[in-house]
């Protein structure tokens, strides 16, 4: 009658781990794309649409209750598996939506710090101050040398300016290292969030398996 099981949707628990990883990746790809052009509302819509694309094929061309009775047992089981799969995907969709606020906070904190540390205005200010220290040192040294006749005061002023310049550069390098640490911490936090979502998806699968076993036993 044209009713069939989607490929790979009745392979049992062997496929669950790979599928959950794929769903986690899908969730974060969708959220990343949404946050790139919008806010949390955009992310919610993105996840709903991403999971809808998985759920729709599970529920397409399903037979009516009367038609179901006329189908062979094997095909009836295949259709029930599709319905079970759709139900699990709905639960995982709700779980995925709960990730959005936590991920949003991570992104906002990271982007705020990144924008502040790496802003063109901040970099320009650092370079301007660094260059000014050399110029000021040279000028003061020259004035001292001309004013009171202190030998090599100009050279000394330039030297002091260069010392201040290198101190500023060292601070810039320290800021760069700090940015690297922040980036690493952000990446680690995102990975933990992915692991938590994977574990939550696995819990949905276990609950679904228990309910399926009860249905078979009843």
N, C-alpha and C. Protein backbone atom coordinates (compact mmCIF):
# COMPACT_ATOMS: atom_id res chain seq x y z
N UNK A 1 0.82 -1.21 0.00
CA UNK A 1 0.00 0.00 0.00
C UNK A 1 0.86 1.27 0.00
N UNK A 2 2.20 1.08 -0.09
CA UNK A 2 3.06 2.24 -0.17
C UNK A 2 3.56 2.76 1.16
N UNK A 3 3.18 2.10 2.27
CA UNK A 3 3.66 2.55 3.57
C UNK A 3 5.01 1.89 3.84
N UNK A 4 5.98 2.67 4.24
CA UNK A 4 7.31 2.10 4.44
C UNK A 4 7.99 2.77 5.62
N UNK A 5 8.99 2.09 6.12
CA UNK A 5 9.79 2.63 7.20
C UNK A 5 10.91 3.47 6.62
N UNK A 6 11.19 4.60 7.24
CA UNK A 6 12.30 5.42 6.76
C UNK A 6 13.60 4.65 6.94
N UNK A 7 14.52 4.74 5.97
CA UNK A 7 15.78 4.01 6.07
C UNK A 7 16.53 4.36 7.35
N UNK A 8 16.96 3.32 8.05
CA UNK A 8 17.76 3.53 9.25
C UNK A 8 16.96 3.82 10.50
N UNK A 9 15.63 3.86 10.42
CA UNK A 9 14.84 4.24 11.59
C UNK A 9 14.38 3.03 12.40
N UNK A 10 14.81 1.85 12.04
CA UNK A 10 14.45 0.68 12.84
C UNK A 10 15.69 -0.15 13.13
N UNK A 11 16.82 0.50 13.20
CA UNK A 11 18.06 -0.21 13.41
C UNK A 11 18.35 -0.45 14.89
N UNK A 12 17.48 0.05 15.78
CA UNK A 12 17.67 -0.19 17.20
C UNK A 12 18.64 0.79 17.82
N UNK A 13 19.10 0.42 19.01
CA UNK A 13 19.93 1.34 19.80
C UNK A 13 21.31 1.55 19.21
N UNK A 14 21.76 0.67 18.27
CA UNK A 14 23.09 0.82 17.70
C UNK A 14 23.26 2.16 17.00
N UNK A 15 22.18 2.70 16.50
CA UNK A 15 22.25 3.96 15.76
C UNK A 15 21.98 5.18 16.64
N UNK A 16 21.53 4.96 17.85
CA UNK A 16 21.12 6.08 18.70
C UNK A 16 22.25 7.06 18.99
N UNK A 17 23.43 6.53 19.31
CA UNK A 17 24.54 7.42 19.68
C UNK A 17 24.93 8.34 18.54
N UNK A 18 25.10 7.75 17.35
CA UNK A 18 25.47 8.56 16.18
C UNK A 18 24.37 9.57 15.85
N UNK A 19 23.13 9.14 15.97
CA UNK A 19 22.02 10.04 15.66
C UNK A 19 21.94 11.19 16.67
N UNK A 20 22.19 10.88 17.94
CA UNK A 20 22.16 11.94 18.95
C UNK A 20 23.27 12.96 18.72
N UNK A 21 24.45 12.49 18.34
CA UNK A 21 25.54 13.42 18.02
C UNK A 21 25.14 14.31 16.85
N UNK A 22 24.50 13.70 15.86
CA UNK A 22 24.06 14.47 14.70
C UNK A 22 23.02 15.52 15.09
N UNK A 23 22.11 15.14 15.98
CA UNK A 23 21.08 16.08 16.44
C UNK A 23 21.69 17.22 17.26
N UNK A 24 22.69 16.90 18.07
CA UNK A 24 23.38 17.94 18.84
C UNK A 24 24.07 18.92 17.89
N UNK A 25 24.77 18.37 16.90
CA UNK A 25 25.44 19.23 15.92
C UNK A 25 24.43 20.08 15.17
N UNK A 26 23.30 19.47 14.80
CA UNK A 26 22.24 20.21 14.11
C UNK A 26 21.70 21.34 14.99
N UNK A 27 21.51 21.05 16.27
CA UNK A 27 21.01 22.06 17.20
C UNK A 27 21.94 23.26 17.27
N UNK A 28 23.23 23.00 17.43
CA UNK A 28 24.17 24.12 17.60
C UNK A 28 24.42 24.85 16.28
N UNK A 29 24.38 24.13 15.15
CA UNK A 29 24.48 24.83 13.86
C UNK A 29 23.31 25.78 13.68
N UNK A 30 22.13 25.30 14.02
CA UNK A 30 20.92 26.11 13.87
C UNK A 30 20.97 27.33 14.78
N UNK A 31 21.41 27.11 16.03
CA UNK A 31 21.46 28.21 16.99
C UNK A 31 22.53 29.23 16.59
N UNK A 32 23.69 28.74 16.14
CA UNK A 32 24.75 29.66 15.71
C UNK A 32 24.28 30.54 14.56
N UNK A 33 23.64 29.91 13.56
CA UNK A 33 23.15 30.67 12.41
C UNK A 33 22.10 31.68 12.83
N UNK A 34 21.25 31.29 13.78
CA UNK A 34 20.19 32.19 14.24
C UNK A 34 20.75 33.38 15.01
N UNK A 35 21.70 33.11 15.92
CA UNK A 35 22.27 34.20 16.71
C UNK A 35 23.12 35.14 15.85
N UNK A 36 23.61 34.64 14.71
CA UNK A 36 24.39 35.51 13.83
C UNK A 36 23.54 36.61 13.21
N UNK A 37 22.22 36.38 13.16
CA UNK A 37 21.36 37.38 12.53
C UNK A 37 20.18 37.81 13.41
N UNK A 38 20.11 37.28 14.63
CA UNK A 38 18.97 37.63 15.47
C UNK A 38 19.22 37.35 16.94
N UNK A 39 18.12 37.14 17.66
CA UNK A 39 18.21 36.94 19.10
C UNK A 39 17.69 35.55 19.46
N UNK A 40 17.27 35.37 20.72
CA UNK A 40 16.80 34.05 21.17
C UNK A 40 15.54 33.62 20.43
N UNK A 41 14.69 34.55 20.09
CA UNK A 41 13.47 34.19 19.35
C UNK A 41 13.83 33.57 18.00
N UNK A 42 14.87 34.12 17.35
CA UNK A 42 15.36 33.57 16.09
C UNK A 42 15.88 32.16 16.30
N UNK A 43 16.57 31.94 17.43
CA UNK A 43 17.13 30.62 17.72
C UNK A 43 16.04 29.60 17.96
N UNK A 44 14.98 30.00 18.66
CA UNK A 44 13.84 29.10 18.88
C UNK A 44 13.24 28.67 17.55
N UNK A 45 13.01 29.62 16.67
CA UNK A 45 12.44 29.31 15.35
C UNK A 45 13.35 28.37 14.57
N UNK A 46 14.66 28.60 14.67
CA UNK A 46 15.62 27.77 13.93
C UNK A 46 15.59 26.32 14.40
N UNK A 47 15.52 26.12 15.73
CA UNK A 47 15.47 24.75 16.25
C UNK A 47 14.15 24.08 15.89
N UNK A 48 13.06 24.81 16.01
CA UNK A 48 11.75 24.23 15.65
C UNK A 48 11.75 23.77 14.20
N UNK A 49 12.30 24.59 13.32
CA UNK A 49 12.32 24.24 11.90
C UNK A 49 13.27 23.07 11.63
N UNK A 50 14.43 23.07 12.30
CA UNK A 50 15.40 21.99 12.10
C UNK A 50 14.81 20.64 12.50
N UNK A 51 14.13 20.59 13.63
CA UNK A 51 13.53 19.33 14.08
C UNK A 51 12.30 18.99 13.27
N UNK A 52 11.57 20.00 12.80
CA UNK A 52 10.39 19.73 11.97
C UNK A 52 10.79 18.99 10.70
N UNK A 53 11.97 19.33 10.16
CA UNK A 53 12.44 18.63 8.96
C UNK A 53 12.72 17.16 9.24
N UNK A 54 13.03 16.82 10.48
CA UNK A 54 13.24 15.42 10.85
C UNK A 54 11.93 14.72 11.18
N UNK A 55 11.00 15.45 11.75
CA UNK A 55 9.75 14.84 12.21
C UNK A 55 8.79 14.59 11.05
N UNK A 56 8.72 15.54 10.11
CA UNK A 56 7.75 15.43 9.01
C UNK A 56 7.84 14.12 8.24
N UNK A 57 9.05 13.67 7.84
CA UNK A 57 9.11 12.40 7.10
C UNK A 57 8.61 11.20 7.90
N UNK A 58 8.75 11.26 9.23
CA UNK A 58 8.29 10.15 10.07
C UNK A 58 6.77 10.00 10.02
N UNK A 59 6.08 11.11 9.81
CA UNK A 59 4.61 11.10 9.90
C UNK A 59 3.92 11.23 8.55
N UNK A 60 4.70 11.24 7.48
CA UNK A 60 4.08 11.37 6.16
C UNK A 60 3.52 10.03 5.69
N UNK A 61 2.40 10.08 4.98
CA UNK A 61 1.78 8.89 4.36
C UNK A 61 1.45 7.80 5.37
N UNK A 62 1.04 8.16 6.56
CA UNK A 62 0.64 7.15 7.54
C UNK A 62 -0.77 6.66 7.24
N UNK A 63 -1.03 5.38 7.46
CA UNK A 63 -2.37 4.84 7.21
C UNK A 63 -3.35 5.23 8.31
N UNK A 64 -4.61 5.14 8.00
CA UNK A 64 -5.64 5.35 9.01
C UNK A 64 -5.70 4.13 9.93
N UNK A 65 -6.48 4.24 10.99
CA UNK A 65 -6.61 3.11 11.93
C UNK A 65 -7.19 1.89 11.23
N UNK A 66 -8.16 2.10 10.33
CA UNK A 66 -8.76 0.98 9.61
C UNK A 66 -7.76 0.35 8.65
N UNK A 67 -7.01 1.20 7.95
CA UNK A 67 -6.01 0.67 7.02
C UNK A 67 -4.92 -0.07 7.76
N UNK A 68 -4.60 0.39 8.95
CA UNK A 68 -3.55 -0.23 9.75
C UNK A 68 -3.88 -1.69 10.05
N UNK A 69 -5.15 -1.97 10.31
CA UNK A 69 -5.57 -3.33 10.66
C UNK A 69 -5.35 -4.30 9.50
N UNK A 70 -5.38 -3.79 8.28
CA UNK A 70 -5.26 -4.64 7.11
C UNK A 70 -3.81 -4.91 6.71
N UNK A 71 -2.90 -4.21 7.33
CA UNK A 71 -1.49 -4.35 6.96
C UNK A 71 -0.86 -5.56 7.64
N UNK A 72 0.18 -6.13 7.02
CA UNK A 72 0.92 -7.22 7.67
C UNK A 72 1.54 -6.74 8.98
N UNK A 73 1.76 -7.67 9.89
CA UNK A 73 2.30 -7.34 11.20
C UNK A 73 3.63 -6.59 11.09
N UNK A 74 4.47 -7.04 10.18
CA UNK A 74 5.79 -6.42 10.04
C UNK A 74 5.67 -4.95 9.64
N UNK A 75 4.76 -4.65 8.72
CA UNK A 75 4.57 -3.27 8.28
C UNK A 75 3.92 -2.43 9.38
N UNK A 76 3.01 -3.06 10.14
CA UNK A 76 2.41 -2.34 11.27
C UNK A 76 3.49 -1.94 12.27
N UNK A 77 4.41 -2.85 12.53
CA UNK A 77 5.49 -2.56 13.46
C UNK A 77 6.39 -1.44 12.93
N UNK A 78 6.63 -1.46 11.62
CA UNK A 78 7.46 -0.43 11.01
C UNK A 78 6.81 0.94 11.15
N UNK A 79 5.52 1.00 10.97
CA UNK A 79 4.80 2.27 11.09
C UNK A 79 4.80 2.76 12.53
N UNK A 80 4.61 1.83 13.46
CA UNK A 80 4.67 2.22 14.88
C UNK A 80 6.05 2.76 15.24
N UNK A 81 7.07 2.18 14.61
CA UNK A 81 8.43 2.65 14.85
C UNK A 81 8.61 4.09 14.35
N UNK A 82 8.02 4.38 13.21
CA UNK A 82 8.06 5.76 12.70
C UNK A 82 7.36 6.72 13.67
N UNK A 83 6.22 6.30 14.18
CA UNK A 83 5.49 7.15 15.13
C UNK A 83 6.28 7.33 16.43
N UNK A 84 6.90 6.25 16.88
CA UNK A 84 7.73 6.32 18.09
C UNK A 84 8.91 7.27 17.86
N UNK A 85 9.49 7.18 16.67
CA UNK A 85 10.63 8.04 16.35
C UNK A 85 10.21 9.51 16.36
N UNK A 86 9.04 9.79 15.82
CA UNK A 86 8.54 11.17 15.81
C UNK A 86 8.32 11.67 17.23
N UNK A 87 7.79 10.81 18.09
CA UNK A 87 7.55 11.20 19.48
C UNK A 87 8.86 11.50 20.20
N UNK A 88 9.89 10.68 19.96
CA UNK A 88 11.19 10.92 20.57
C UNK A 88 11.80 12.23 20.07
N UNK A 89 11.66 12.49 18.78
CA UNK A 89 12.20 13.73 18.22
C UNK A 89 11.51 14.95 18.81
N UNK A 90 10.21 14.82 19.06
CA UNK A 90 9.50 15.95 19.68
C UNK A 90 10.05 16.23 21.08
N UNK A 91 10.29 15.14 21.84
CA UNK A 91 10.85 15.32 23.19
C UNK A 91 12.25 15.93 23.13
N UNK A 92 13.05 15.46 22.17
CA UNK A 92 14.41 16.00 22.03
C UNK A 92 14.38 17.46 21.57
N UNK A 93 13.39 17.79 20.77
CA UNK A 93 13.24 19.18 20.35
C UNK A 93 13.01 20.09 21.56
N UNK A 94 12.13 19.63 22.48
CA UNK A 94 11.88 20.43 23.68
C UNK A 94 13.14 20.54 24.54
N UNK A 95 13.91 19.46 24.58
CA UNK A 95 15.17 19.48 25.34
C UNK A 95 16.16 20.44 24.70
N UNK A 96 16.24 20.42 23.37
CA UNK A 96 17.16 21.31 22.65
C UNK A 96 16.82 22.77 22.88
N UNK A 97 15.55 23.07 22.97
CA UNK A 97 15.13 24.47 23.20
C UNK A 97 15.64 25.01 24.53
N UNK A 98 15.82 24.11 25.51
CA UNK A 98 16.28 24.54 26.83
C UNK A 98 17.75 24.97 26.82
N UNK A 99 18.47 24.62 25.75
CA UNK A 99 19.88 24.99 25.64
C UNK A 99 20.04 26.47 25.30
N UNK A 100 19.04 27.05 24.65
CA UNK A 100 19.17 28.39 24.08
C UNK A 100 19.58 29.45 25.11
N UNK A 101 18.91 29.56 26.27
CA UNK A 101 19.31 30.62 27.22
C UNK A 101 20.76 30.50 27.68
N UNK A 102 21.19 29.28 28.00
CA UNK A 102 22.57 29.08 28.46
C UNK A 102 23.57 29.42 27.36
N UNK A 103 23.26 28.98 26.14
CA UNK A 103 24.17 29.25 25.02
C UNK A 103 24.20 30.75 24.71
N UNK A 104 23.06 31.39 24.83
CA UNK A 104 22.97 32.83 24.59
C UNK A 104 23.87 33.59 25.56
N UNK A 105 23.85 33.20 26.83
CA UNK A 105 24.70 33.86 27.83
C UNK A 105 26.18 33.68 27.52
N UNK A 106 26.55 32.46 27.10
CA UNK A 106 27.94 32.21 26.74
C UNK A 106 28.37 33.09 25.57
N UNK A 107 27.53 33.16 24.55
CA UNK A 107 27.87 33.96 23.37
C UNK A 107 27.97 35.44 23.71
N UNK A 108 27.03 35.93 24.50
CA UNK A 108 27.04 37.35 24.84
C UNK A 108 28.29 37.72 25.63
N UNK A 109 28.65 36.87 26.59
CA UNK A 109 29.85 37.15 27.39
C UNK A 109 31.10 37.13 26.52
N UNK A 110 31.18 36.14 25.64
CA UNK A 110 32.37 36.02 24.78
C UNK A 110 32.45 37.18 23.79
N UNK A 111 31.33 37.48 23.14
CA UNK A 111 31.34 38.56 22.14
C UNK A 111 31.62 39.91 22.79
N UNK A 112 31.09 40.12 23.98
CA UNK A 112 31.32 41.38 24.68
C UNK A 112 32.80 41.56 24.98
N UNK A 113 33.43 40.52 25.50
CA UNK A 113 34.85 40.60 25.82
C UNK A 113 35.68 40.75 24.55
N UNK A 114 35.34 39.95 23.52
CA UNK A 114 36.08 39.99 22.26
C UNK A 114 35.97 41.37 21.62
N UNK A 115 34.79 41.94 21.65
CA UNK A 115 34.59 43.26 21.04
C UNK A 115 35.38 44.33 21.78
N UNK A 116 35.44 44.21 23.11
CA UNK A 116 36.17 45.20 23.90
C UNK A 116 37.68 45.09 23.70
N UNK A 117 38.20 43.85 23.77
CA UNK A 117 39.64 43.66 23.67
C UNK A 117 40.18 43.85 22.26
N UNK A 118 39.37 43.47 21.28
CA UNK A 118 39.86 43.51 19.90
C UNK A 118 39.28 44.64 19.08
N UNK A 119 38.67 45.61 19.72
CA UNK A 119 38.04 46.70 18.97
C UNK A 119 39.11 47.56 18.30
N UNK A 120 38.84 48.06 17.09
CA UNK A 120 39.80 48.94 16.41
C UNK A 120 40.15 50.17 17.26
N UNK A 121 39.16 50.70 17.99
CA UNK A 121 39.41 51.88 18.82
C UNK A 121 40.44 51.56 19.90
N UNK A 122 40.29 50.38 20.52
CA UNK A 122 41.23 50.02 21.60
C UNK A 122 42.63 49.79 21.04
N UNK A 123 42.71 49.09 19.89
CA UNK A 123 44.02 48.84 19.29
C UNK A 123 44.68 50.15 18.86
N UNK A 124 43.88 51.04 18.26
CA UNK A 124 44.42 52.32 17.83
C UNK A 124 44.91 53.14 19.02
N UNK A 125 44.14 53.06 20.12
CA UNK A 125 44.53 53.80 21.32
C UNK A 125 45.85 53.28 21.88
N UNK A 126 46.00 51.95 21.88
CA UNK A 126 47.24 51.36 22.38
C UNK A 126 48.44 51.79 21.54
N UNK A 127 48.29 51.73 20.22
CA UNK A 127 49.38 52.13 19.33
C UNK A 127 49.70 53.62 19.48
N UNK A 128 48.65 54.42 19.63
CA UNK A 128 48.85 55.87 19.77
C UNK A 128 49.62 56.19 21.04
N UNK A 129 49.21 55.56 22.15
CA UNK A 129 49.89 55.80 23.42
C UNK A 129 51.34 55.32 23.34
N UNK A 130 51.55 54.16 22.72
CA UNK A 130 52.89 53.60 22.62
C UNK A 130 53.81 54.52 21.82
N UNK A 131 53.30 55.02 20.71
CA UNK A 131 54.11 55.93 19.88
C UNK A 131 54.34 57.26 20.59
N UNK A 132 53.35 57.72 21.32
CA UNK A 132 53.46 59.01 22.01
C UNK A 132 54.52 58.98 23.09
N UNK A 133 54.68 57.83 23.75
CA UNK A 133 55.68 57.75 24.82
C UNK A 133 57.08 58.01 24.29
N UNK A 134 57.37 57.49 23.10
CA UNK A 134 58.69 57.71 22.51
C UNK A 134 58.86 59.18 22.16
N UNK A 135 57.83 59.76 21.54
CA UNK A 135 57.89 61.17 21.13
C UNK A 135 58.04 62.09 22.34
N UNK A 136 57.25 61.82 23.38
CA UNK A 136 57.32 62.65 24.59
C UNK A 136 58.70 62.53 25.24
N UNK A 137 59.20 61.31 25.31
CA UNK A 137 60.53 61.10 25.91
C UNK A 137 61.61 61.86 25.16
N UNK A 138 61.55 61.80 23.82
CA UNK A 138 62.54 62.50 23.01
C UNK A 138 62.43 64.01 23.18
N UNK A 139 61.19 64.51 23.21
CA UNK A 139 60.98 65.96 23.35
C UNK A 139 61.48 66.47 24.70
N UNK A 140 61.13 65.76 25.76
CA UNK A 140 61.58 66.18 27.09
C UNK A 140 63.10 66.13 27.20
N UNK A 141 63.67 65.08 26.65
CA UNK A 141 65.13 64.97 26.69
C UNK A 141 65.80 66.11 25.93
N UNK A 142 65.24 66.45 24.78
CA UNK A 142 65.79 67.55 23.98
C UNK A 142 65.70 68.87 24.73
N UNK A 143 64.53 69.12 25.37
CA UNK A 143 64.36 70.37 26.11
C UNK A 143 65.33 70.46 27.29
N UNK A 144 65.53 69.33 27.97
CA UNK A 144 66.48 69.32 29.09
C UNK A 144 67.89 69.58 28.60
N UNK A 145 68.22 68.92 27.49
CA UNK A 145 69.57 69.09 26.95
C UNK A 145 69.83 70.53 26.51
N UNK A 146 68.83 71.13 25.86
CA UNK A 146 68.98 72.51 25.41
C UNK A 146 68.87 73.50 26.56
N UNK A 147 68.01 73.16 27.54
CA UNK A 147 67.76 74.12 28.62
C UNK A 147 68.87 74.21 29.64
N UNK A 148 69.33 73.06 30.12
CA UNK A 148 70.36 73.09 31.18
C UNK A 148 71.68 72.49 30.71
N UNK A 149 71.70 72.10 29.44
CA UNK A 149 72.95 71.61 28.88
C UNK A 149 73.35 70.23 29.33
N UNK A 150 72.38 69.42 29.77
CA UNK A 150 72.71 68.06 30.21
C UNK A 150 73.05 67.21 28.99
N UNK A 151 74.27 66.66 28.95
CA UNK A 151 74.66 65.88 27.77
C UNK A 151 73.79 64.62 27.61
N UNK A 152 73.53 64.31 26.36
CA UNK A 152 72.81 63.08 26.00
C UNK A 152 71.42 62.99 26.61
N UNK A 153 70.84 64.10 27.03
CA UNK A 153 69.49 64.06 27.60
C UNK A 153 68.46 63.62 26.57
N UNK A 154 68.69 64.04 25.31
CA UNK A 154 67.76 63.64 24.24
C UNK A 154 67.78 62.13 24.06
N UNK A 155 69.00 61.58 24.02
CA UNK A 155 69.14 60.12 23.87
C UNK A 155 68.50 59.41 25.06
N UNK A 156 68.72 59.96 26.26
CA UNK A 156 68.12 59.35 27.44
C UNK A 156 66.61 59.41 27.40
N UNK A 157 66.09 60.55 26.92
CA UNK A 157 64.63 60.67 26.80
C UNK A 157 64.06 59.67 25.83
N UNK A 158 64.77 59.49 24.69
CA UNK A 158 64.31 58.49 23.72
C UNK A 158 64.35 57.10 24.35
N UNK A 159 65.42 56.84 25.11
CA UNK A 159 65.54 55.53 25.76
C UNK A 159 64.40 55.27 26.72
N UNK A 160 64.09 56.28 27.54
CA UNK A 160 62.97 56.12 28.47
C UNK A 160 61.65 55.93 27.72
N UNK A 161 61.50 56.66 26.62
CA UNK A 161 60.29 56.50 25.81
C UNK A 161 60.17 55.10 25.24
N UNK A 162 61.33 54.56 24.79
CA UNK A 162 61.32 53.20 24.26
C UNK A 162 60.99 52.17 25.34
N UNK A 163 61.52 52.41 26.54
CA UNK A 163 61.20 51.50 27.65
C UNK A 163 59.70 51.49 27.91
N UNK A 164 59.11 52.71 27.94
CA UNK A 164 57.66 52.79 28.15
C UNK A 164 56.91 52.13 27.00
N UNK A 165 57.45 52.30 25.78
CA UNK A 165 56.83 51.67 24.60
C UNK A 165 56.80 50.15 24.75
N UNK A 166 57.94 49.57 25.14
CA UNK A 166 58.00 48.11 25.27
C UNK A 166 57.12 47.61 26.42
N UNK A 167 56.99 48.42 27.47
CA UNK A 167 56.08 48.04 28.55
C UNK A 167 54.65 47.96 28.04
N UNK A 168 54.26 48.94 27.20
CA UNK A 168 52.92 48.92 26.61
C UNK A 168 52.74 47.70 25.72
N UNK A 169 53.78 47.36 24.95
CA UNK A 169 53.69 46.20 24.07
C UNK A 169 53.55 44.90 24.87
N UNK A 170 54.26 44.83 26.00
CA UNK A 170 54.14 43.65 26.85
C UNK A 170 52.73 43.52 27.41
N UNK A 171 52.15 44.67 27.76
CA UNK A 171 50.76 44.64 28.23
C UNK A 171 49.82 44.17 27.13
N UNK A 172 50.11 44.59 25.90
CA UNK A 172 49.29 44.15 24.76
C UNK A 172 49.40 42.65 24.58
N UNK A 173 50.63 42.12 24.71
CA UNK A 173 50.82 40.67 24.60
C UNK A 173 50.08 39.94 25.71
N UNK A 174 50.10 40.53 26.91
CA UNK A 174 49.37 39.93 28.03
C UNK A 174 47.88 39.89 27.74
N UNK A 175 47.37 40.98 27.14
CA UNK A 175 45.95 41.01 26.76
C UNK A 175 45.64 39.94 25.72
N UNK A 176 46.57 39.75 24.77
CA UNK A 176 46.38 38.72 23.74
C UNK A 176 46.31 37.34 24.37
N UNK A 177 47.20 37.08 25.34
CA UNK A 177 47.16 35.79 26.03
C UNK A 177 45.85 35.62 26.79
N UNK A 178 45.40 36.71 27.39
CA UNK A 178 44.13 36.66 28.13
C UNK A 178 42.97 36.35 27.20
N UNK A 179 43.00 36.95 26.00
CA UNK A 179 41.96 36.68 25.01
C UNK A 179 41.97 35.21 24.60
N UNK A 180 43.19 34.65 24.45
CA UNK A 180 43.31 33.23 24.10
C UNK A 180 42.72 32.36 25.20
N UNK A 181 42.99 32.72 26.46
CA UNK A 181 42.43 31.96 27.58
C UNK A 181 40.91 32.05 27.61
N UNK A 182 40.38 33.25 27.34
CA UNK A 182 38.93 33.43 27.32
C UNK A 182 38.32 32.59 26.20
N UNK A 183 38.97 32.59 25.04
CA UNK A 183 38.47 31.80 23.92
C UNK A 183 38.47 30.31 24.24
N UNK A 184 39.54 29.85 24.89
CA UNK A 184 39.62 28.43 25.27
C UNK A 184 38.54 28.09 26.29
N UNK A 185 38.32 28.98 27.25
CA UNK A 185 37.27 28.75 28.25
C UNK A 185 35.89 28.72 27.60
N UNK A 186 35.68 29.60 26.63
CA UNK A 186 34.39 29.62 25.92
C UNK A 186 34.18 28.31 25.16
N UNK A 187 35.22 27.87 24.46
CA UNK A 187 35.12 26.61 23.70
C UNK A 187 34.82 25.44 24.63
N UNK A 188 35.50 25.40 25.78
CA UNK A 188 35.28 24.32 26.74
C UNK A 188 33.86 24.36 27.29
N UNK A 189 33.34 25.56 27.55
CA UNK A 189 31.97 25.69 28.06
C UNK A 189 30.95 25.22 27.03
N UNK A 190 31.20 25.54 25.77
CA UNK A 190 30.29 25.09 24.70
C UNK A 190 30.33 23.56 24.58
N UNK A 191 31.52 22.98 24.68
CA UNK A 191 31.64 21.52 24.61
C UNK A 191 30.89 20.86 25.76
N UNK A 192 30.98 21.45 26.96
CA UNK A 192 30.23 20.89 28.10
C UNK A 192 28.73 20.97 27.84
N UNK A 193 28.30 22.05 27.24
CA UNK A 193 26.88 22.21 26.92
C UNK A 193 26.44 21.15 25.91
N UNK A 194 27.30 20.86 24.95
CA UNK A 194 26.99 19.82 23.96
C UNK A 194 26.92 18.44 24.62
N UNK A 195 27.85 18.19 25.54
CA UNK A 195 27.84 16.91 26.25
C UNK A 195 26.57 16.76 27.09
N UNK A 196 26.16 17.85 27.73
CA UNK A 196 24.93 17.80 28.53
C UNK A 196 23.71 17.54 27.65
N UNK A 197 23.69 18.15 26.47
CA UNK A 197 22.56 17.94 25.56
C UNK A 197 22.56 16.51 25.04
N UNK A 198 23.74 15.98 24.73
CA UNK A 198 23.83 14.58 24.29
C UNK A 198 23.32 13.64 25.37
N UNK A 199 23.72 13.88 26.62
CA UNK A 199 23.25 13.05 27.74
C UNK A 199 21.74 13.16 27.90
N UNK A 200 21.19 14.35 27.70
CA UNK A 200 19.74 14.53 27.81
C UNK A 200 19.02 13.77 26.70
N UNK A 201 19.57 13.79 25.49
CA UNK A 201 18.98 13.03 24.39
C UNK A 201 19.02 11.53 24.68
N UNK A 202 20.13 11.08 25.26
CA UNK A 202 20.25 9.65 25.61
C UNK A 202 19.22 9.27 26.66
N UNK A 203 18.95 10.17 27.60
CA UNK A 203 17.93 9.91 28.62
C UNK A 203 16.55 9.79 27.98
N UNK A 204 16.28 10.60 26.97
CA UNK A 204 15.01 10.49 26.23
C UNK A 204 14.91 9.13 25.56
N UNK A 205 16.01 8.67 24.97
CA UNK A 205 16.01 7.36 24.31
C UNK A 205 15.76 6.24 25.32
N UNK A 206 16.40 6.33 26.48
CA UNK A 206 16.21 5.28 27.49
C UNK A 206 14.76 5.25 27.97
N UNK A 207 14.19 6.43 28.20
CA UNK A 207 12.80 6.50 28.62
C UNK A 207 11.89 5.93 27.55
N UNK A 208 12.18 6.25 26.29
CA UNK A 208 11.39 5.72 25.19
C UNK A 208 11.49 4.21 25.09
N UNK A 209 12.70 3.68 25.34
CA UNK A 209 12.88 2.23 25.29
C UNK A 209 12.09 1.54 26.40
N UNK A 210 12.08 2.14 27.60
CA UNK A 210 11.31 1.55 28.70
C UNK A 210 9.82 1.56 28.39
N UNK A 211 9.34 2.66 27.84
CA UNK A 211 7.92 2.74 27.50
C UNK A 211 7.57 1.76 26.39
N UNK A 212 8.49 1.60 25.43
CA UNK A 212 8.25 0.63 24.36
C UNK A 212 8.20 -0.78 24.89
N UNK A 213 9.07 -1.10 25.86
CA UNK A 213 9.06 -2.43 26.45
C UNK A 213 7.77 -2.69 27.21
N UNK A 214 7.26 -1.66 27.90
CA UNK A 214 5.99 -1.82 28.62
C UNK A 214 4.84 -2.06 27.64
N UNK A 215 4.87 -1.35 26.51
CA UNK A 215 3.81 -1.52 25.51
C UNK A 215 3.81 -2.93 24.94
N UNK A 216 5.02 -3.47 24.71
CA UNK A 216 5.10 -4.83 24.18
C UNK A 216 4.63 -5.85 25.21
N UNK A 217 4.89 -5.56 26.49
CA UNK A 217 4.50 -6.50 27.53
C UNK A 217 3.04 -6.46 27.88
N UNK A 218 2.36 -5.37 27.51
CA UNK A 218 0.94 -5.24 27.88
C UNK A 218 0.04 -5.92 26.87
